[in-house]
Amino acid sequence: MVQKGVLAMLPLNLAVLPWGILCGSLAIQRGFTVPEAIMMPLLVFAGAVQLVVIELINDNAPLATILFTTFIISSRHFLYGLALRDKLKDLPFKWRGSLGFLLTDELFALSGAANAYQGKLKLIYALAAGGSFYLCWLLWNIIGIIAGSYLPDLTSIGLDFAIAVTFIALVIPSITNLAMLVTVVVAGFLSVVFKLMDWELGLVIASLIAMYCGYLMAKKHQLAQ
């Protein structure tokens, strides 16, 4: 099960390589020391949060702004936790705590099966998948830290595109019904519109509207049956 978990996560481990390198190099180029840059992926373990927080710290943003922004970006993890609550609530804390820390977008994408986390072998599978992603993310960041110390600004070569590619790869397989399709289309359309309008919380608002549209479509489908 360890081998299966590692192999299942391997494509995503490789997909975030440019993203991890970008995070590590950006930290160095924004004045972080090597230990500080390593502590970010080691403790935070959230790529989008790392990128934003590095820039906010570099801009001397207030602590309240950093914490609030981190909360908004990471708020989707509340939904992940709620989605998996019934499967994990009866487990000892050592399992819930470990899986909670490792519960990234990528691990959640592998958690859609109805029998996910059912039984000790499935738990080992999940820990191996999430653990391998954590180790690879840390390794990619370290490579970025080394590269950022010797190479010019890596943000100029488009490594941030890996973020979009990774999430597209996670979202597309989840579109299995009309409600999901509506959610994705509305979220994509509104996020672009709000970005053009320079709304600071446009992405959050687009997500909420898209989820509500998907919910309405799912309810409509249930009533029609």
Protein backbone atom coordinates (compact mmCIF):
# COMPACT_ATOMS: atom_id res chain seq x y z
CA MET A 1 0.00 0.00 0.00
CA VAL A 2 2.95 2.32 0.58
CA GLN A 3 4.18 1.66 -2.94
CA LYS A 4 0.70 2.15 -4.40
CA GLY A 5 0.26 5.42 -2.53
CA VAL A 6 3.60 6.79 -3.71
CA LEU A 7 2.94 5.74 -7.32
CA ALA A 8 -0.57 7.22 -7.30
CA MET A 9 0.81 10.59 -6.17
CA LEU A 10 3.89 10.49 -8.42
CA PRO A 11 2.37 12.42 -11.38
CA LEU A 12 1.29 15.22 -9.06
CA ASN A 13 4.64 15.14 -7.26
CA LEU A 14 6.33 15.84 -10.58
CA ALA A 15 3.70 18.35 -11.71
CA VAL A 16 4.46 20.73 -8.82
CA LEU A 17 8.22 20.68 -9.38
CA PRO A 18 8.26 24.10 -11.15
CA TRP A 19 5.91 25.48 -8.47
CA GLY A 20 8.17 24.29 -5.64
CA ILE A 21 11.26 25.69 -7.33
CA LEU A 22 9.47 29.00 -7.75
CA CYS A 23 8.54 29.13 -4.05
CA GLY A 24 12.07 28.33 -2.89
CA SER A 25 13.80 30.74 -5.25
CA LEU A 26 11.34 33.54 -4.55
CA ALA A 27 11.98 33.31 -0.81
CA ILE A 28 15.73 33.75 -1.32
CA GLN A 29 15.29 36.56 -3.83
CA ARG A 30 12.99 38.40 -1.42
CA GLY A 31 15.60 38.43 1.33
CA PHE A 32 14.76 35.31 3.35
CA THR A 33 17.67 33.42 4.88
CA VAL A 34 18.18 29.80 3.86
CA PRO A 35 16.79 28.43 7.19
CA GLU A 36 13.75 30.75 6.90
CA ALA A 37 13.15 29.67 3.31
CA ILE A 38 13.31 25.99 4.32
CA MET A 39 10.97 26.49 7.28
CA MET A 40 8.23 27.77 4.95
CA PRO A 41 7.55 24.46 3.14
CA LEU A 42 8.49 22.48 6.24
CA LEU A 43 5.81 24.08 8.44
CA VAL A 44 3.38 25.90 6.15
CA PHE A 45 3.17 23.25 3.41
CA ALA A 46 0.87 25.30 1.16
CA GLY A 47 2.21 26.57 -2.13
CA ALA A 48 -0.25 29.40 -2.77
CA VAL A 49 0.09 30.64 0.81
CA GLN A 50 3.88 30.52 0.59
CA LEU A 51 3.98 32.66 -2.55
CA VAL A 52 1.58 35.27 -1.19
CA VAL A 53 3.09 35.44 2.30
CA ILE A 54 6.63 35.80 0.91
CA GLU A 55 5.52 38.82 -1.12
CA LEU A 56 3.56 40.31 1.81
CA ILE A 57 6.51 39.96 4.17
CA ASN A 58 8.78 41.50 1.53
CA ASP A 59 6.35 44.45 1.30
CA ASN A 60 6.36 44.84 5.12
CA ALA A 61 2.63 44.14 5.31
CA PRO A 62 1.05 44.17 8.81
CA LEU A 63 0.75 40.83 10.58
CA ALA A 64 -3.05 41.10 10.57
CA THR A 65 -3.04 41.41 6.77
CA ILE A 66 -0.78 38.37 6.42
CA LEU A 67 -2.93 36.26 8.75
CA PHE A 68 -6.21 37.30 7.12
CA THR A 69 -4.89 36.65 3.62
CA THR A 70 -3.58 33.26 4.70
CA PHE A 71 -6.97 32.44 6.21
CA ILE A 72 -8.83 33.36 3.01
CA ILE A 73 -6.47 31.41 0.73
CA SER A 74 -6.55 28.33 2.97
CA SER A 75 -10.29 28.43 3.74
CA ARG A 76 -10.99 25.71 1.15
CA HIS A 77 -9.32 23.26 3.52
CA PHE A 78 -12.29 23.65 5.86
CA LEU A 79 -14.42 22.21 3.06
CA TYR A 80 -11.93 19.38 2.55
CA GLY A 81 -12.07 18.56 6.25
CA LEU A 82 -15.86 18.63 6.30
CA ALA A 83 -16.03 16.40 3.23
CA LEU A 84 -13.85 13.78 4.92
CA ARG A 85 -15.15 14.20 8.47
CA ASP A 86 -17.46 11.20 8.45
CA LYS A 87 -14.66 8.96 7.20
CA LEU A 88 -12.10 10.10 9.77
CA LYS A 89 -14.05 11.11 12.89
CA ASP A 90 -13.75 7.73 14.61
CA LEU A 91 -9.99 7.41 14.07
CA PRO A 92 -7.42 8.08 16.83
CA PHE A 93 -5.92 11.58 16.86
CA LYS A 94 -2.57 10.36 15.50
CA TRP A 95 -4.30 9.38 12.27
CA ARG A 96 -6.54 12.44 12.05
CA GLY A 97 -3.68 14.81 12.88
CA SER A 98 -1.30 13.25 10.36
CA LEU A 99 -3.85 13.13 7.56
CA GLY A 100 -5.03 16.64 8.41
CA PHE A 101 -1.53 18.05 8.02
CA LEU A 102 -0.99 16.18 4.74
CA LEU A 103 -4.43 17.05 3.31
CA THR A 104 -3.46 19.17 0.33
CA ASP A 105 -5.48 19.75 -2.84
CA GLU A 106 -3.59 16.85 -4.39
CA LEU A 107 -4.32 14.35 -1.61
CA PHE A 108 -7.97 15.42 -1.53
CA ALA A 109 -8.15 14.72 -5.27
CA LEU A 110 -7.19 11.11 -4.49
CA SER A 111 -9.82 10.88 -1.74
CA GLY A 112 -12.93 10.79 -3.89
CA ALA A 113 -13.47 7.04 -3.78
CA ALA A 114 -16.36 5.94 -1.58
CA ASN A 115 -14.13 3.53 0.35
CA ALA A 116 -11.24 5.96 0.81
CA TYR A 117 -9.69 5.78 4.31
CA GLN A 118 -11.74 2.67 5.13
CA GLY A 119 -9.45 0.23 6.91
CA LYS A 120 -5.84 0.43 8.00
CA LEU A 121 -4.44 -0.44 4.57
CA LYS A 122 -6.33 2.48 3.00
CA LEU A 123 -5.02 4.78 5.74
CA ILE A 124 -1.45 3.66 5.05
CA TYR A 125 -2.08 4.29 1.35
CA ALA A 126 -3.25 7.85 2.12
CA LEU A 127 -0.34 8.56 4.44
CA ALA A 128 2.15 7.26 1.86
CA ALA A 129 0.59 9.38 -0.88
CA GLY A 130 0.45 12.53 1.24
CA GLY A 131 3.86 11.89 2.80
CA SER A 132 5.55 11.46 -0.57
CA PHE A 133 4.02 14.73 -1.74
CA TYR A 134 5.29 16.50 1.39
CA LEU A 135 8.82 15.20 0.89
CA CYS A 136 8.85 16.07 -2.81
CA TRP A 137 7.47 19.54 -2.12
CA LEU A 138 10.23 20.11 0.43
CA LEU A 139 12.85 18.81 -2.03
CA TRP A 140 11.59 21.03 -4.88
CA ASN A 141 11.69 24.04 -2.55
CA ILE A 142 15.27 23.24 -1.54
CA ILE A 143 16.25 23.03 -5.21
CA GLY A 144 14.61 26.42 -5.69
CA ILE A 145 16.48 27.84 -2.71
CA ILE A 146 19.77 26.69 -4.21
CA ALA A 147 18.82 27.99 -7.66
CA GLY A 148 17.65 31.30 -6.23
CA SER A 149 21.03 31.83 -4.62
CA TYR A 150 22.94 31.55 -7.90
CA LEU A 151 20.51 32.33 -10.74
CA PRO A 152 18.62 35.50 -11.70
CA ASP A 153 14.95 36.03 -10.85
CA LEU A 154 13.18 32.77 -11.77
CA THR A 155 9.76 34.44 -11.61
CA SER A 156 10.45 35.96 -15.03
CA ILE A 157 10.52 32.62 -16.89
CA GLY A 158 6.88 31.68 -16.27
CA LEU A 159 7.25 28.98 -13.61
CA ASP A 160 4.06 30.26 -11.99
CA PHE A 161 2.13 28.73 -14.89
CA ALA A 162 2.69 25.38 -13.15
CA ILE A 163 0.15 26.50 -10.53
CA ALA A 164 -2.63 26.80 -13.10
CA VAL A 165 -1.64 23.54 -14.80
CA THR A 166 -1.68 21.63 -11.51
CA PHE A 167 -5.16 22.81 -10.55
CA ILE A 168 -6.52 22.15 -14.04
CA ALA A 169 -5.21 18.58 -13.75
CA LEU A 170 -6.97 18.23 -10.38
CA VAL A 171 -10.29 19.75 -11.47
CA ILE A 172 -10.93 18.15 -14.86
CA PRO A 173 -11.27 14.52 -13.59
CA SER A 174 -13.76 15.68 -10.95
CA ILE A 175 -16.27 16.93 -13.57
CA THR A 176 -18.48 13.86 -13.49
CA ASN A 177 -21.95 15.45 -13.57
CA LEU A 178 -23.78 18.58 -14.69
CA ALA A 179 -23.60 20.23 -11.26
CA MET A 180 -19.81 19.96 -11.24
CA LEU A 181 -19.62 21.29 -14.80
CA VAL A 182 -21.75 24.30 -13.89
CA THR A 183 -19.61 24.97 -10.83
CA VAL A 184 -16.36 24.88 -12.81
CA VAL A 185 -17.66 27.00 -15.70
CA VAL A 186 -19.17 29.66 -13.42
CA ALA A 187 -16.05 29.79 -11.24
CA GLY A 188 -13.75 30.13 -14.25
CA PHE A 189 -15.88 32.80 -15.94
CA LEU A 190 -16.47 34.93 -12.84
CA SER A 191 -12.86 34.73 -11.67
CA VAL A 192 -11.74 36.22 -14.98
CA VAL A 193 -14.45 38.91 -14.88
CA PHE A 194 -13.64 39.91 -11.30
CA LYS A 195 -9.93 39.92 -12.07
CA LEU A 196 -10.52 42.36 -14.94
CA MET A 197 -12.57 44.48 -12.54
CA ASP A 198 -9.67 44.43 -10.01
CA TRP A 199 -11.80 43.08 -7.18
CA GLU A 200 -9.43 42.08 -4.37
CA LEU A 201 -11.72 39.30 -3.12
CA GLY A 202 -12.94 38.41 -6.59
CA LEU A 203 -11.63 34.86 -6.48
CA VAL A 204 -13.38 34.15 -3.17
CA ILE A 205 -16.65 35.68 -4.39
CA ALA A 206 -16.44 33.75 -7.67
CA SER A 207 -15.92 30.52 -5.74
CA LEU A 208 -18.90 31.11 -3.46
CA ILE A 209 -21.22 31.99 -6.35
CA ALA A 210 -20.00 28.97 -8.34
CA MET A 211 -20.58 26.60 -5.42
CA TYR A 212 -24.09 27.97 -4.93
CA CYS A 213 -24.86 27.55 -8.64
CA GLY A 214 -23.59 23.97 -8.49
CA TYR A 215 -25.71 23.34 -5.40
CA LEU A 216 -28.84 24.67 -7.13
CA MET A 217 -28.15 22.48 -10.17
CA ALA A 218 -27.69 19.40 -7.96
CA LYS A 219 -30.98 20.15 -6.11
CA LYS A 220 -32.78 20.65 -9.40
CA HIS A 221 -31.46 17.30 -10.62
CA GLN A 222 -32.62 15.58 -7.41
CA LEU A 223 -36.13 17.04 -7.71
CA ALA A 224 -36.36 15.95 -11.33
CA GLN A 225 -35.67 12.31 -10.43
